[in-house]
Full PDB file with SEQRES, HELIX, SHEET, SSBOND, CRYST1, ORIGX, SCALE, CONECT and MASTER records, all heavy atoms in Angstrom:
SEQRES   1 A   33  ARG LEU LEU GLU LYS GLN ARG THR GLU VAL GLN VAL ASN          
SEQRES   2 A   33  LYS THR ALA GLU LYS GLU PRO PRO THR PRO ASN SER GLY          
SEQRES   3 A   33  VAL TYR ALA ARG PRO LEU ASP                                  
HELIX    1 AA1 LEU A    2  THR A   15  1                                  14    
CRYST1    1.000    1.000    1.000  90.00  90.00  90.00 P 1           1          
ORIGX1      1.000000  0.000000  0.000000        0.00000                         
ORIGX2      0.000000  1.000000  0.000000        0.00000                         
ORIGX3      0.000000  0.000000  1.000000        0.00000                         
SCALE1      1.000000  0.000000  0.000000        0.00000                         
SCALE2      0.000000  1.000000  0.000000        0.00000                         
SCALE3      0.000000  0.000000  1.000000        0.00000                         
ATOM      1  N   ARG A   1      -6.935   6.670 -10.726  1.00  0.00           N  
ATOM      2  CA  ARG A   1      -5.827   6.167 -11.320  1.00  0.00           C  
ATOM      3  C   ARG A   1      -4.672   5.683 -10.577  1.00  0.00           C  
ATOM      4  O   ARG A   1      -3.996   4.710 -10.833  1.00  0.00           O  
ATOM      5  CB  ARG A   1      -5.285   7.353 -12.429  1.00  0.00           C  
ATOM      6  CG  ARG A   1      -6.220   7.618 -13.713  1.00  0.00           C  
ATOM      7  CD  ARG A   1      -5.300   8.434 -14.727  1.00  0.00           C  
ATOM      8  NE  ARG A   1      -4.886   9.625 -14.131  1.00  0.00           N  
ATOM      9  CZ  ARG A   1      -5.497  10.828 -14.227  1.00  0.00           C  
ATOM     10  NH1 ARG A   1      -6.653  10.807 -14.734  1.00  0.00           N  
ATOM     11  NH2 ARG A   1      -4.982  11.907 -13.778  1.00  0.00           N  
ATOM     12  N   LEU A   2      -4.484   6.500  -9.525  1.00  0.00           N  
ATOM     13  CA  LEU A   2      -3.411   6.136  -8.517  1.00  0.00           C  
ATOM     14  C   LEU A   2      -3.746   4.794  -7.848  1.00  0.00           C  
ATOM     15  O   LEU A   2      -2.961   3.982  -7.600  1.00  0.00           O  
ATOM     16  CB  LEU A   2      -3.172   7.262  -7.439  1.00  0.00           C  
ATOM     17  CG  LEU A   2      -2.559   8.489  -7.912  1.00  0.00           C  
ATOM     18  CD1 LEU A   2      -2.355   9.435  -6.825  1.00  0.00           C  
ATOM     19  CD2 LEU A   2      -1.119   8.253  -8.549  1.00  0.00           C  
ATOM     20  N   LEU A   3      -4.980   4.660  -7.512  1.00  0.00           N  
ATOM     21  CA  LEU A   3      -5.565   3.443  -6.869  1.00  0.00           C  
ATOM     22  C   LEU A   3      -5.417   2.311  -7.712  1.00  0.00           C  
ATOM     23  O   LEU A   3      -4.987   1.104  -7.279  1.00  0.00           O  
ATOM     24  CB  LEU A   3      -7.008   3.616  -6.325  1.00  0.00           C  
ATOM     25  CG  LEU A   3      -7.487   2.644  -5.298  1.00  0.00           C  
ATOM     26  CD1 LEU A   3      -6.673   2.884  -4.070  1.00  0.00           C  
ATOM     27  CD2 LEU A   3      -8.994   3.000  -4.933  1.00  0.00           C  
ATOM     28  N   GLU A   4      -5.681   2.419  -9.001  1.00  0.00           N  
ATOM     29  CA  GLU A   4      -5.520   1.317  -9.982  1.00  0.00           C  
ATOM     30  C   GLU A   4      -4.066   0.926 -10.107  1.00  0.00           C  
ATOM     31  O   GLU A   4      -3.685  -0.242 -10.162  1.00  0.00           O  
ATOM     32  CB  GLU A   4      -6.042   1.633 -11.371  1.00  0.00           C  
ATOM     33  CG  GLU A   4      -6.086   0.641 -12.374  1.00  0.00           C  
ATOM     34  CD  GLU A   4      -6.847  -0.566 -11.929  1.00  0.00           C  
ATOM     35  OE1 GLU A   4      -7.882  -0.460 -11.277  1.00  0.00           O  
ATOM     36  OE2 GLU A   4      -6.478  -1.709 -12.357  1.00  0.00           O  
ATOM     37  N   LYS A   5      -3.223   1.915 -10.104  1.00  0.00           N  
ATOM     38  CA  LYS A   5      -1.810   1.756 -10.250  1.00  0.00           C  
ATOM     39  C   LYS A   5      -1.256   1.022  -8.852  1.00  0.00           C  
ATOM     40  O   LYS A   5      -0.452  -0.036  -9.029  1.00  0.00           O  
ATOM     41  CB  LYS A   5      -1.013   3.002 -10.306  1.00  0.00           C  
ATOM     42  CG  LYS A   5       0.470   2.837 -10.390  1.00  0.00           C  
ATOM     43  CD  LYS A   5       1.119   4.260 -10.495  1.00  0.00           C  
ATOM     44  CE  LYS A   5       2.741   4.047 -10.597  1.00  0.00           C  
ATOM     45  NZ  LYS A   5       3.402   5.417 -10.706  1.00  0.00           N  
ATOM     46  N   GLN A   6      -1.878   1.336  -7.847  1.00  0.00           N  
ATOM     47  CA  GLN A   6      -1.550   0.719  -6.577  1.00  0.00           C  
ATOM     48  C   GLN A   6      -2.036  -0.799  -6.533  1.00  0.00           C  
ATOM     49  O   GLN A   6      -1.224  -1.653  -6.139  1.00  0.00           O  
ATOM     50  CB  GLN A   6      -2.183   1.481  -5.384  1.00  0.00           C  
ATOM     51  CG  GLN A   6      -1.705   1.100  -3.994  1.00  0.00           C  
ATOM     52  CD  GLN A   6      -2.330   1.833  -2.810  1.00  0.00           C  
ATOM     53  OE1 GLN A   6      -3.409   1.556  -2.382  1.00  0.00           O  
ATOM     54  NE2 GLN A   6      -1.701   2.986  -2.549  1.00  0.00           N  
ATOM     55  N   ARG A   7      -3.131  -1.121  -7.154  1.00  0.00           N  
ATOM     56  CA  ARG A   7      -3.740  -2.503  -7.201  1.00  0.00           C  
ATOM     57  C   ARG A   7      -2.721  -3.320  -8.108  1.00  0.00           C  
ATOM     58  O   ARG A   7      -2.393  -4.443  -7.752  1.00  0.00           O  
ATOM     59  CB  ARG A   7      -5.051  -2.406  -7.815  1.00  0.00           C  
ATOM     60  CG  ARG A   7      -6.193  -2.053  -6.855  1.00  0.00           C  
ATOM     61  CD  ARG A   7      -7.483  -2.322  -7.358  1.00  0.00           C  
ATOM     62  NE  ARG A   7      -8.521  -1.607  -6.509  1.00  0.00           N  
ATOM     63  CZ  ARG A   7      -9.219  -0.551  -6.866  1.00  0.00           C  
ATOM     64  NH1 ARG A   7      -8.904  -0.004  -8.065  1.00  0.00           N  
ATOM     65  NH2 ARG A   7     -10.115   0.000  -6.011  1.00  0.00           N  
ATOM     66  N   THR A   8      -2.222  -2.701  -9.186  1.00  0.00           N  
ATOM     67  CA  THR A   8      -1.369  -3.394 -10.026  1.00  0.00           C  
ATOM     68  C   THR A   8      -0.058  -3.866  -9.378  1.00  0.00           C  
ATOM     69  O   THR A   8       0.469  -4.834  -9.487  1.00  0.00           O  
ATOM     70  CB  THR A   8      -1.063  -2.584 -11.377  1.00  0.00           C  
ATOM     71  OG1 THR A   8      -2.223  -2.163 -11.963  1.00  0.00           O  
ATOM     72  CG2 THR A   8      -0.202  -3.359 -12.285  1.00  0.00           C  
ATOM     73  N   GLU A   9       0.489  -2.800  -8.602  1.00  0.00           N  
ATOM     74  CA  GLU A   9       1.678  -3.053  -7.852  1.00  0.00           C  
ATOM     75  C   GLU A   9       1.490  -4.155  -6.826  1.00  0.00           C  
ATOM     76  O   GLU A   9       2.394  -5.028  -6.567  1.00  0.00           O  
ATOM     77  CB  GLU A   9       2.167  -1.852  -7.209  1.00  0.00           C  
ATOM     78  CG  GLU A   9       2.680  -0.766  -8.136  1.00  0.00           C  
ATOM     79  CD  GLU A   9       3.008   0.589  -7.465  1.00  0.00           C  
ATOM     80  OE1 GLU A   9       2.701   0.723  -6.308  1.00  0.00           O  
ATOM     81  OE2 GLU A   9       3.506   1.574  -8.170  1.00  0.00           O  
ATOM     82  N   VAL A  10       0.275  -4.232  -6.176  1.00  0.00           N  
ATOM     83  CA  VAL A  10      -0.017  -5.239  -5.308  1.00  0.00           C  
ATOM     84  C   VAL A  10       0.077  -6.526  -5.969  1.00  0.00           C  
ATOM     85  O   VAL A  10       0.574  -7.554  -5.307  1.00  0.00           O  
ATOM     86  CB  VAL A  10      -1.417  -4.963  -4.540  1.00  0.00           C  
ATOM     87  CG1 VAL A  10      -1.866  -6.208  -3.724  1.00  0.00           C  
ATOM     88  CG2 VAL A  10      -1.325  -3.764  -3.702  1.00  0.00           C  
ATOM     89  N   GLN A  11      -0.592  -6.687  -7.126  1.00  0.00           N  
ATOM     90  CA  GLN A  11      -0.593  -8.020  -7.933  1.00  0.00           C  
ATOM     91  C   GLN A  11       0.924  -8.409  -8.256  1.00  0.00           C  
ATOM     92  O   GLN A  11       1.303  -9.535  -8.094  1.00  0.00           O  
ATOM     93  CB  GLN A  11      -1.242  -7.854  -9.208  1.00  0.00           C  
ATOM     94  CG  GLN A  11      -2.837  -7.600  -8.964  1.00  0.00           C  
ATOM     95  CD  GLN A  11      -3.430  -8.830  -8.258  1.00  0.00           C  
ATOM     96  OE1 GLN A  11      -3.067 -10.007  -8.392  1.00  0.00           O  
ATOM     97  NE2 GLN A  11      -4.387  -8.532  -7.339  1.00  0.00           N  
ATOM     98  N   VAL A  12       1.837  -7.475  -8.565  1.00  0.00           N  
ATOM     99  CA  VAL A  12       3.090  -7.652  -8.879  1.00  0.00           C  
ATOM    100  C   VAL A  12       3.839  -8.223  -7.570  1.00  0.00           C  
ATOM    101  O   VAL A  12       4.642  -9.131  -7.713  1.00  0.00           O  
ATOM    102  CB  VAL A  12       3.836  -6.388  -9.435  1.00  0.00           C  
ATOM    103  CG1 VAL A  12       5.246  -6.667  -9.645  1.00  0.00           C  
ATOM    104  CG2 VAL A  12       3.201  -6.144 -10.835  1.00  0.00           C  
ATOM    105  N   ASN A  13       3.554  -7.534  -6.494  1.00  0.00           N  
ATOM    106  CA  ASN A  13       4.225  -7.915  -5.270  1.00  0.00           C  
ATOM    107  C   ASN A  13       3.714  -9.453  -4.769  1.00  0.00           C  
ATOM    108  O   ASN A  13       4.626 -10.034  -4.399  1.00  0.00           O  
ATOM    109  CB  ASN A  13       3.772  -7.003  -4.127  1.00  0.00           C  
ATOM    110  CG  ASN A  13       4.450  -5.581  -4.315  1.00  0.00           C  
ATOM    111  OD1 ASN A  13       5.548  -5.513  -4.894  1.00  0.00           O  
ATOM    112  ND2 ASN A  13       3.858  -4.558  -3.738  1.00  0.00           N  
ATOM    113  N   LYS A  14       2.518  -9.665  -5.130  1.00  0.00           N  
ATOM    114  CA  LYS A  14       1.912 -11.073  -4.674  1.00  0.00           C  
ATOM    115  C   LYS A  14       2.755 -12.053  -5.610  1.00  0.00           C  
ATOM    116  O   LYS A  14       3.161 -13.061  -5.168  1.00  0.00           O  
ATOM    117  CB  LYS A  14       0.563 -11.008  -4.961  1.00  0.00           C  
ATOM    118  CG  LYS A  14      -0.321 -10.465  -3.943  1.00  0.00           C  
ATOM    119  CD  LYS A  14      -1.723 -10.702  -4.016  1.00  0.00           C  
ATOM    120  CE  LYS A  14      -2.676 -10.092  -2.976  1.00  0.00           C  
ATOM    121  NZ  LYS A  14      -4.097 -10.218  -2.976  1.00  0.00           N  
ATOM    122  N   THR A  15       2.915 -11.803  -7.002  1.00  0.00           N  
ATOM    123  CA  THR A  15       3.591 -12.647  -7.784  1.00  0.00           C  
ATOM    124  C   THR A  15       5.045 -12.753  -7.385  1.00  0.00           C  
ATOM    125  O   THR A  15       5.521 -14.045  -7.475  1.00  0.00           O  
ATOM    126  CB  THR A  15       3.507 -12.085  -9.336  1.00  0.00           C  
ATOM    127  OG1 THR A  15       2.202 -11.810  -9.669  1.00  0.00           O  
ATOM    128  CG2 THR A  15       4.135 -13.110 -10.223  1.00  0.00           C  
ATOM    129  N   ALA A  16       5.646 -11.743  -6.909  1.00  0.00           N  
ATOM    130  CA  ALA A  16       7.024 -11.836  -6.529  1.00  0.00           C  
ATOM    131  C   ALA A  16       7.152 -12.255  -5.122  1.00  0.00           C  
ATOM    132  O   ALA A  16       8.237 -12.175  -4.477  1.00  0.00           O  
ATOM    133  CB  ALA A  16       7.636 -10.362  -6.673  1.00  0.00           C  
ATOM    134  N   GLU A  17       6.025 -12.650  -4.389  1.00  0.00           N  
ATOM    135  CA  GLU A  17       5.966 -13.047  -3.048  1.00  0.00           C  
ATOM    136  C   GLU A  17       6.411 -12.054  -2.204  1.00  0.00           C  
ATOM    137  O   GLU A  17       7.163 -12.312  -1.191  1.00  0.00           O  
ATOM    138  CB  GLU A  17       6.694 -14.403  -2.823  1.00  0.00           C  
ATOM    139  CG  GLU A  17       6.160 -15.583  -3.686  1.00  0.00           C  
ATOM    140  CD  GLU A  17       6.858 -16.777  -3.406  1.00  0.00           C  
ATOM    141  OE1 GLU A  17       7.931 -16.744  -2.660  1.00  0.00           O  
ATOM    142  OE2 GLU A  17       6.512 -17.842  -3.857  1.00  0.00           O  
ATOM    143  N   LYS A  18       6.078 -10.843  -2.421  1.00  0.00           N  
ATOM    144  CA  LYS A  18       6.489  -9.642  -1.487  1.00  0.00           C  
ATOM    145  C   LYS A  18       5.183  -9.328  -0.729  1.00  0.00           C  
ATOM    146  O   LYS A  18       4.079  -9.475  -1.212  1.00  0.00           O  
ATOM    147  CB  LYS A  18       6.867  -8.460  -2.293  1.00  0.00           C  
ATOM    148  CG  LYS A  18       8.371  -8.670  -2.887  1.00  0.00           C  
ATOM    149  CD  LYS A  18       8.697  -7.341  -3.676  1.00  0.00           C  
ATOM    150  CE  LYS A  18       9.920  -7.547  -4.344  1.00  0.00           C  
ATOM    151  NZ  LYS A  18      10.443  -6.292  -5.173  1.00  0.00           N  
ATOM    152  N   GLU A  19       5.433  -8.750   0.495  1.00  0.00           N  
ATOM    153  CA  GLU A  19       4.290  -8.339   1.316  1.00  0.00           C  
ATOM    154  C   GLU A  19       3.594  -7.002   0.704  1.00  0.00           C  
ATOM    155  O   GLU A  19       4.380  -5.989   0.584  1.00  0.00           O  
ATOM    156  CB  GLU A  19       4.817  -8.039   2.755  1.00  0.00           C  
ATOM    157  CG  GLU A  19       3.675  -7.683   3.803  1.00  0.00           C  
ATOM    158  CD  GLU A  19       2.957  -9.020   4.023  1.00  0.00           C  
ATOM    159  OE1 GLU A  19       3.492 -10.037   3.948  1.00  0.00           O  
ATOM    160  OE2 GLU A  19       1.737  -8.830   4.486  1.00  0.00           O  
ATOM    161  N   PRO A  20       2.336  -7.148   0.342  1.00  0.00           N  
ATOM    162  CA  PRO A  20       1.713  -5.982  -0.261  1.00  0.00           C  
ATOM    163  C   PRO A  20       1.603  -4.831   0.819  1.00  0.00           C  
ATOM    164  O   PRO A  20       1.537  -5.105   2.019  1.00  0.00           O  
ATOM    165  CB  PRO A  20       0.376  -6.483  -0.600  1.00  0.00           C  
ATOM    166  CG  PRO A  20       0.056  -7.584   0.185  1.00  0.00           C  
ATOM    167  CD  PRO A  20       1.534  -8.251   0.499  1.00  0.00           C  
ATOM    168  N   PRO A  21       1.511  -3.551   0.421  1.00  0.00           N  
ATOM    169  CA  PRO A  21       1.347  -2.463   1.479  1.00  0.00           C  
ATOM    170  C   PRO A  21      -0.012  -2.534   2.135  1.00  0.00           C  
ATOM    171  O   PRO A  21      -1.090  -2.877   1.475  1.00  0.00           O  
ATOM    172  CB  PRO A  21       1.383  -1.251   0.512  1.00  0.00           C  
ATOM    173  CG  PRO A  21       1.035  -1.645  -0.797  1.00  0.00           C  
ATOM    174  CD  PRO A  21       1.574  -3.050  -0.901  1.00  0.00           C  
ATOM    175  N   THR A  22      -0.043  -2.196   3.398  1.00  0.00           N  
ATOM    176  CA  THR A  22      -1.379  -2.157   4.243  1.00  0.00           C  
ATOM    177  C   THR A  22      -2.072  -0.899   3.953  1.00  0.00           C  
ATOM    178  O   THR A  22      -1.500   0.147   4.243  1.00  0.00           O  
ATOM    179  CB  THR A  22      -1.034  -2.513   5.716  1.00  0.00           C  
ATOM    180  OG1 THR A  22      -0.298  -3.628   5.746  1.00  0.00           O  
ATOM    181  CG2 THR A  22      -2.308  -2.506   6.410  1.00  0.00           C  
ATOM    182  N   PRO A  23      -3.340  -0.931   3.592  1.00  0.00           N  
ATOM    183  CA  PRO A  23      -4.097   0.248   3.512  1.00  0.00           C  
ATOM    184  C   PRO A  23      -4.233   1.152   4.908  1.00  0.00           C  
ATOM    185  O   PRO A  23      -4.248   0.434   5.787  1.00  0.00           O  
ATOM    186  CB  PRO A  23      -5.569  -0.026   3.079  1.00  0.00           C  
ATOM    187  CG  PRO A  23      -5.336  -1.527   2.406  1.00  0.00           C  
ATOM    188  CD  PRO A  23      -4.127  -2.082   3.316  1.00  0.00           C  
ATOM    189  N   ASN A  24      -4.145   2.351   4.824  1.00  0.00           N  
ATOM    190  CA  ASN A  24      -4.310   3.202   5.940  1.00  0.00           C  
ATOM    191  C   ASN A  24      -5.728   2.962   6.639  1.00  0.00           C  
ATOM    192  O   ASN A  24      -6.665   2.946   5.859  1.00  0.00           O  
ATOM    193  CB  ASN A  24      -4.029   4.673   5.621  1.00  0.00           C  
ATOM    194  CG  ASN A  24      -3.686   5.534   6.858  1.00  0.00           C  
ATOM    195  OD1 ASN A  24      -4.457   5.565   7.858  1.00  0.00           O  
ATOM    196  ND2 ASN A  24      -2.627   6.194   6.866  1.00  0.00           N  
ATOM    197  N   SER A  25      -5.692   2.854   7.933  1.00  0.00           N  
ATOM    198  CA  SER A  25      -6.767   2.603   8.617  1.00  0.00           C  
ATOM    199  C   SER A  25      -7.754   3.809   8.876  1.00  0.00           C  
ATOM    200  O   SER A  25      -8.735   3.731   9.402  1.00  0.00           O  
ATOM    201  CB  SER A  25      -6.597   1.815   9.992  1.00  0.00           C  
ATOM    202  OG  SER A  25      -5.886   2.799  10.672  1.00  0.00           O  
ATOM    203  N   GLY A  26      -7.176   4.931   8.531  1.00  0.00           N  
ATOM    204  CA  GLY A  26      -7.912   6.289   8.848  1.00  0.00           C  
ATOM    205  C   GLY A  26      -7.435   6.886  10.194  1.00  0.00           C  
ATOM    206  O   GLY A  26      -7.861   7.928  10.450  1.00  0.00           O  
ATOM    207  N   VAL A  27      -6.537   6.213  10.935  1.00  0.00           N  
ATOM    208  CA  VAL A  27      -5.929   6.697  12.058  1.00  0.00           C  
ATOM    209  C   VAL A  27      -4.538   7.312  11.638  1.00  0.00           C  
ATOM    210  O   VAL A  27      -3.657   6.452  11.225  1.00  0.00           O  
ATOM    211  CB  VAL A  27      -5.800   5.700  13.233  1.00  0.00           C  
ATOM    212  CG1 VAL A  27      -5.150   6.300  14.445  1.00  0.00           C  
ATOM    213  CG2 VAL A  27      -7.198   5.258  13.555  1.00  0.00           C  
ATOM    214  N   TYR A  28      -4.319   8.574  11.818  1.00  0.00           N  
ATOM    215  CA  TYR A  28      -3.009   9.108  11.282  1.00  0.00           C  
ATOM    216  C   TYR A  28      -2.115   9.457  12.568  1.00  0.00           C  
ATOM    217  O   TYR A  28      -2.552  10.084  13.461  1.00  0.00           O  
ATOM    218  CB  TYR A  28      -3.284  10.332  10.465  1.00  0.00           C  
ATOM    219  CG  TYR A  28      -4.415  10.003   9.316  1.00  0.00           C  
ATOM    220  CD1 TYR A  28      -5.731  10.390   9.546  1.00  0.00           C  
ATOM    221  CD2 TYR A  28      -3.991   9.286   8.209  1.00  0.00           C  
ATOM    222  CE1 TYR A  28      -6.554   9.936   8.584  1.00  0.00           C  
ATOM    223  CE2 TYR A  28      -4.934   9.033   7.233  1.00  0.00           C  
ATOM    224  CZ  TYR A  28      -6.183   9.365   7.406  1.00  0.00           C  
ATOM    225  OH  TYR A  28      -7.088   9.059   6.555  1.00  0.00           O  
ATOM    226  N   ALA A  29      -0.923   9.248  12.338  1.00  0.00           N  
ATOM    227  CA  ALA A  29       0.074   9.480  13.431  1.00  0.00           C  
ATOM    228  C   ALA A  29       0.491  10.948  13.523  1.00  0.00           C  
ATOM    229  O   ALA A  29       0.484  11.633  12.520  1.00  0.00           O  
ATOM    230  CB  ALA A  29       1.359   8.542  13.148  1.00  0.00           C  
ATOM    231  N   ARG A  30       0.666  11.414  14.699  1.00  0.00           N  
ATOM    232  CA  ARG A  30       1.054  12.844  14.953  1.00  0.00           C  
ATOM    233  C   ARG A  30       2.476  12.998  14.370  1.00  0.00           C  
ATOM    234  O   ARG A  30       3.261  12.125  14.454  1.00  0.00           O  
ATOM    235  CB  ARG A  30       1.017  13.161  16.419  1.00  0.00           C  
ATOM    236  CG  ARG A  30       1.569  14.485  16.766  1.00  0.00           C  
ATOM    237  CD  ARG A  30       1.596  14.623  18.231  1.00  0.00           C  
ATOM    238  NE  ARG A  30       2.239  15.781  18.693  1.00  0.00           N  
ATOM    239  CZ  ARG A  30       2.440  16.126  19.930  1.00  0.00           C  
ATOM    240  NH1 ARG A  30       2.115  15.187  20.948  1.00  0.00           N  
ATOM    241  NH2 ARG A  30       3.130  17.179  20.313  1.00  0.00           N  
ATOM    242  N   PRO A  31       2.760  14.027  13.583  1.00  0.00           N  
ATOM    243  CA  PRO A  31       4.175  14.210  12.996  1.00  0.00           C  
ATOM    244  C   PRO A  31       5.125  14.221  14.092  1.00  0.00           C  
ATOM    245  O   PRO A  31       4.969  14.706  15.192  1.00  0.00           O  
ATOM    246  CB  PRO A  31       4.108  15.640  12.227  1.00  0.00           C  
ATOM    247  CG  PRO A  31       2.672  16.006  12.451  1.00  0.00           C  
ATOM    248  CD  PRO A  31       1.967  15.139  13.260  1.00  0.00           C  
ATOM    249  N   LEU A  32       6.375  13.720  13.782  1.00  0.00           N  
ATOM    250  CA  LEU A  32       7.548  13.817  14.600  1.00  0.00           C  
ATOM    251  C   LEU A  32       7.912  15.192  14.853  1.00  0.00           C  
ATOM    252  O   LEU A  32       8.094  15.973  13.991  1.00  0.00           O  
ATOM    253  CB  LEU A  32       8.665  12.893  14.129  1.00  0.00           C  
ATOM    254  CG  LEU A  32       8.340  11.302  14.006  1.00  0.00           C  
ATOM    255  CD1 LEU A  32       9.627  10.778  13.312  1.00  0.00           C  
ATOM    256  CD2 LEU A  32       8.137  10.755  15.341  1.00  0.00           C  
ATOM    257  N   ASP A  33       8.144  15.451  16.235  1.00  0.00           N  
ATOM    258  CA  ASP A  33       8.629  16.924  16.491  1.00  0.00           C  
ATOM    259  C   ASP A  33      10.128  16.806  16.492  1.00  0.00           C  
ATOM    260  O   ASP A  33      10.851  15.846  16.590  1.00  0.00           O  
ATOM    261  CB  ASP A  33       8.196  17.265  17.910  1.00  0.00           C  
ATOM    262  CG  ASP A  33       6.646  17.741  17.892  1.00  0.00           C  
ATOM    263  OD1 ASP A  33       6.432  18.854  17.429  1.00  0.00           O  
ATOM    264  OD2 ASP A  33       5.858  16.860  18.151  1.00  0.00           O  
TER     265      ASP A  33                                                      
MASTER        0    0    0    1    0    0    0    6  264    1    0    3          
END                                                                             
């Protein structure tokens, strides 16, 4: 459901000519200390 909502937001962003969010590549940053 969240993924479908995310896809809908991507379509809205494209219509509004906004940069869609980039999917995570599976490499996660170490938390800031």
